[in-house]
């Protein structure tokens, strides 16, 4: 990725736990883009191509296995607009499932609890199953932010990114949810 601080995501903890529990190899299609908004993920948005690239990569991966779930950890760019986020997420999920021809579970994650302005966003994410069939959410409770150069060796409470241990923990929580579903 372009941002050096985004070198790990929840995929590591997710894949290790799923592989251990199922004794199977895991193919992850990672298409994370930090700091983006739902509008940037819309199909045919006229600029980013994020949606089209995610679909292309997923279809390519589906030649080697079966799509089992979609884990979605996005929202920092929309955290202050939780009221319209769910509407956009519903449309996004419907379009994604249609284009992938798959009704797999869709699991979304909370943003870091250390940032007070995301409380409404996290509250909204917890209602996802009321709006999107075969969906659920994972908690970020107990997770910590990364340590940055400007935070003097302490977690940077202004940064939205999880530290390594928290990324692994969130991934394991996604795995638990996928295994349950």
Protein backbone atom coordinates (compact mmCIF):
# COMPACT_ATOMS: atom_id res chain seq x y z
CA UNK A 1 0.00 0.00 0.00
CA UNK A 2 1.05 3.57 -0.40
CA UNK A 3 0.74 4.42 3.29
CA UNK A 4 3.58 2.83 5.24
CA UNK A 5 1.49 2.59 8.42
CA UNK A 6 -1.07 0.40 6.66
CA UNK A 7 1.05 -2.69 6.23
CA UNK A 8 -1.24 -5.09 8.07
CA UNK A 9 -4.97 -5.53 8.15
CA UNK A 10 -7.48 -7.92 9.68
CA UNK A 11 -6.77 -10.52 6.99
CA UNK A 12 -3.85 -12.04 8.90
CA UNK A 13 -5.83 -12.93 12.02
CA UNK A 14 -8.83 -13.90 9.90
CA UNK A 15 -6.95 -16.31 7.62
CA UNK A 16 -4.97 -17.95 10.42
CA UNK A 17 -8.07 -18.64 12.50
CA UNK A 18 -10.22 -19.86 9.60
CA UNK A 19 -7.42 -22.10 8.32
CA UNK A 20 -6.80 -23.54 11.78
CA UNK A 21 -10.51 -24.22 12.43
CA UNK A 22 -11.24 -25.68 8.97
CA UNK A 23 -7.85 -27.21 8.14
CA UNK A 24 -8.13 -25.59 4.69
CA UNK A 25 -6.08 -23.09 2.73
CA UNK A 26 -7.48 -19.57 2.56
CA UNK A 27 -7.33 -17.21 -0.41
CA UNK A 28 -7.92 -13.61 0.59
CA UNK A 29 -8.83 -10.93 -1.91
CA UNK A 30 -7.59 -7.75 -0.27
CA UNK A 31 -8.66 -4.51 -1.83
CA UNK A 32 -8.45 -2.15 1.14
CA UNK A 33 -8.16 1.57 0.51
CA UNK A 34 -7.70 3.64 3.65
CA UNK A 35 -9.54 6.90 4.15
CA UNK A 36 -12.08 6.30 1.40
CA UNK A 37 -15.80 7.04 1.43
CA UNK A 38 -18.75 4.93 0.32
CA UNK A 39 -19.18 7.28 -2.63
CA UNK A 40 -15.70 6.29 -3.82
CA UNK A 41 -16.74 2.62 -3.66
CA UNK A 42 -19.86 3.08 -5.78
CA UNK A 43 -19.97 1.18 -9.05
CA UNK A 44 -19.08 3.45 -11.94
CA UNK A 45 -18.28 6.38 -9.67
CA UNK A 46 -16.32 8.00 -12.46
CA UNK A 47 -12.94 8.11 -10.81
CA UNK A 48 -11.62 5.64 -8.27
CA UNK A 49 -12.48 2.32 -9.90
CA UNK A 50 -12.28 0.71 -6.44
CA UNK A 51 -15.52 -1.18 -6.88
CA UNK A 52 -14.64 -2.50 -10.32
CA UNK A 53 -11.17 -3.58 -9.17
CA UNK A 54 -12.60 -5.40 -6.15
CA UNK A 55 -15.08 -7.26 -8.35
CA UNK A 56 -12.40 -8.08 -10.94
CA UNK A 57 -10.00 -9.44 -8.33
CA UNK A 58 -12.73 -11.44 -6.58
CA UNK A 59 -13.95 -13.02 -9.82
CA UNK A 60 -10.38 -13.95 -10.68
CA UNK A 61 -9.94 -15.57 -7.25
CA UNK A 62 -13.24 -17.42 -7.67
CA UNK A 63 -11.59 -19.39 -10.49
CA UNK A 64 -9.54 -21.10 -7.75
CA UNK A 65 -12.14 -21.53 -5.03
CA UNK A 66 -15.53 -20.63 -3.67
CA UNK A 67 -16.31 -17.24 -2.23
CA UNK A 68 -17.36 -17.78 1.38
CA UNK A 69 -17.74 -14.30 2.87
CA UNK A 70 -17.03 -10.62 2.50
CA UNK A 71 -15.46 -8.77 5.40
CA UNK A 72 -15.76 -5.01 5.23
CA UNK A 73 -13.80 -2.63 7.41
CA UNK A 74 -14.40 0.85 6.07
CA UNK A 75 -15.99 3.98 7.35
CA UNK A 76 -13.46 6.51 8.57
CA UNK A 77 -14.19 8.72 5.57
CA UNK A 78 -17.91 8.58 6.38
CA UNK A 79 -17.82 8.43 10.18
CA UNK A 80 -19.36 11.87 10.60
CA UNK A 81 -22.24 10.96 8.27
CA UNK A 82 -23.54 7.74 9.82
CA UNK A 83 -27.11 8.59 8.85
CA UNK A 84 -26.59 8.15 5.11
CA UNK A 85 -23.90 5.47 5.37
CA UNK A 86 -26.27 2.54 5.86
CA UNK A 87 -28.31 3.48 2.80
CA UNK A 88 -25.13 3.54 0.72
CA UNK A 89 -23.87 0.30 2.28
CA UNK A 90 -27.14 -1.47 1.45
CA UNK A 91 -26.91 -0.38 -2.20
CA UNK A 92 -23.22 -1.33 -2.33
CA UNK A 93 -23.85 -4.80 -0.88
CA UNK A 94 -26.77 -5.48 -3.21
CA UNK A 95 -24.70 -4.46 -6.23
CA UNK A 96 -21.67 -6.45 -5.09
CA UNK A 97 -23.66 -9.62 -4.48
CA UNK A 98 -25.37 -9.24 -7.86
CA UNK A 99 -22.11 -8.72 -9.74
CA UNK A 100 -20.42 -11.61 -7.95
CA UNK A 101 -23.54 -13.78 -8.29
CA UNK A 102 -23.14 -14.76 -4.67
CA UNK A 103 -25.24 -14.22 -1.57
CA UNK A 104 -22.38 -14.81 0.88
CA UNK A 105 -22.30 -13.40 4.40
CA UNK A 106 -21.27 -9.75 4.63
CA UNK A 107 -19.63 -8.73 7.90
CA UNK A 108 -18.72 -5.14 8.74
CA UNK A 109 -16.55 -3.88 11.57
CA UNK A 110 -16.73 -1.06 14.04
CA UNK A 111 -14.31 1.84 13.98
CA UNK A 112 -11.92 2.49 16.87
CA UNK A 113 -13.74 3.28 20.11
CA UNK A 114 -11.01 5.72 21.19
CA UNK A 115 -12.38 8.30 18.74
CA UNK A 116 -15.52 9.78 20.32
CA UNK A 117 -17.02 11.06 17.06
CA UNK A 118 -17.43 7.48 15.74
CA UNK A 119 -19.89 6.45 18.47
CA UNK A 120 -22.93 7.06 16.24
CA UNK A 121 -21.25 5.27 13.35
CA UNK A 122 -20.55 2.20 15.50
CA UNK A 123 -24.08 2.25 16.85
CA UNK A 124 -25.36 2.25 13.26
CA UNK A 125 -23.03 -0.60 12.17
CA UNK A 126 -24.46 -2.78 14.95
CA UNK A 127 -27.86 -2.61 13.18
CA UNK A 128 -26.54 -3.93 9.85
CA UNK A 129 -28.51 -7.19 9.99
CA UNK A 130 -31.75 -5.18 10.09
CA UNK A 131 -30.94 -3.74 6.65
CA UNK A 132 -28.77 -6.29 4.84
CA UNK A 133 -29.72 -9.98 4.70
CA UNK A 134 -27.02 -12.46 5.80
CA UNK A 135 -24.96 -9.75 7.45
CA UNK A 136 -23.46 -9.09 10.85
CA UNK A 137 -20.84 -6.94 12.57
CA UNK A 138 -17.73 -7.28 14.71
CA UNK A 139 -16.75 -5.18 17.69
CA UNK A 140 -13.59 -3.11 18.00
CA UNK A 141 -13.94 -2.98 21.79
CA UNK A 142 -10.57 -3.26 23.48
CA UNK A 143 -8.62 -2.40 20.34
CA UNK A 144 -5.90 0.24 20.38
CA UNK A 145 -4.63 2.77 17.85
CA UNK A 146 -1.20 2.58 16.27
CA UNK A 147 1.81 4.35 17.69
CA UNK A 148 2.96 7.09 15.35
CA UNK A 149 6.09 9.21 15.18
CA UNK A 150 4.22 12.16 16.65
CA UNK A 151 2.69 10.19 19.56
CA UNK A 152 6.00 9.75 21.43
CA UNK A 153 5.78 5.98 21.84
CA UNK A 154 2.16 5.96 23.01
CA UNK A 155 -0.99 5.02 21.10
CA UNK A 156 -2.03 7.93 18.86
CA UNK A 157 -5.61 8.68 19.91
CA UNK A 158 -6.05 10.97 16.89
CA UNK A 159 -5.18 8.24 14.38
CA UNK A 160 -8.02 5.98 13.19
CA UNK A 161 -5.80 2.95 12.47
CA UNK A 162 -5.58 -0.09 14.74
CA UNK A 163 -2.23 -1.30 16.03
CA UNK A 164 -0.92 -4.70 14.90
CA UNK A 165 -2.36 -6.68 17.82
CA UNK A 166 -5.75 -5.05 17.31
CA UNK A 167 -5.71 -5.79 13.57
CA UNK A 168 -5.09 -9.46 14.37
CA UNK A 169 -7.84 -9.43 17.02
CA UNK A 170 -10.38 -7.83 14.65
CA UNK A 171 -9.46 -10.44 12.03
CA UNK A 172 -10.09 -13.23 14.52
CA UNK A 173 -13.45 -11.68 15.36
CA UNK A 174 -14.34 -11.64 11.67
CA UNK A 175 -13.31 -15.31 11.46
CA UNK A 176 -15.51 -16.23 14.43
CA UNK A 177 -18.47 -14.52 12.80
CA UNK A 178 -17.90 -16.17 9.42
CA UNK A 179 -17.56 -19.58 11.03
CA UNK A 180 -20.77 -18.98 12.98
CA UNK A 181 -22.68 -17.90 9.87
